[in-house]
């Protein structure tokens, strides 16, 4: 075995700042794989009609990663984009959190590799809360910054879901896709990330699983649909209450892009018809933890939201897990 460096060569990040008033998203970044797959191709693999996919899920096309586009490489590109957007150097990042449920192996973790590739001398750890992973990671980043335990946190959500679904499975193959997005969290004199409303229902964990024997996702689609469309509205309300904001005062709602019918059902529960509603699933498919930040990035890029606008983010998925918080658009 190669000799490991001695203790004097190890760089230690010792952050001991005073607590801060708040934290904010200072920059956003995204990476979408180059291969676009339309419904005709996905439908043929799953043995269904192209119209069936759009009517049932709302997807028209999705992105599939090429062999060289790994979870880590996509995360690096999204992270680099977020740093550029915030006009911040890698040296100002002392923590990297990677939200992902599709790493090819539990070891080594992805966040440390992302940090190294970006040139960050940072603590790095992975977080797996499936499709609500970005929201969980953002809440952790907010807490770290406000507590003075971190100065700059790069939150990256990256997924290569095509490794974990069977194209022939009509419940997963035409729906899931690949991509990455990132948010840089920095201290702020005023809160730009509001308290999280989150939880889990582990008793329903068997509704979305990847059995070790097959390595392919299995989902009880109808049961998950009913849970998401009917049981999660109180979480959305709680996030607004924690931010002390009325739904009608929000500028946008960015829920997990699981199914267009679920997105519409949750949006109706807010009773705020003027809201911009993220519907990135139409062109991106379900990218699990990456779906919320990808959709947020797309809304800002389109001009539907601008700097300072209050936006409600909401992730939910396998576990079952859920998390929602209001943020201000960078």
Foldseek 3Di string as FASTA:
>chain_A
DDDDDDPVPDDDDFWDDAFAAWKAFLFKFKWFADDKAALVVLCVLQVHDSVCCCVWFNAGIAGAHDPVDAQLNQQLRQLVRRCVRNVHALAQWAEEEEEEDAHPDVPPARQVVSSVVRVHNYHYDYDYQWQQRQQVVVQVVTVCQRRRVTAKYKYKYWYNQCQAARSNNPLPNVFEHTIMMITMMHGDNHYQWFHKQKDFDQVCQVQWDQDPVHSHIDHPVVVVLCCLLPPCLVRQVVQCVRVVHQLLQAQAEQEQSRGVVSQVSSVVSSVRVNHHYQNCCHRHGGHINRRRSVSLVVCVVVVSADFQGWYKYKTADRSGIIMIHIGGDD
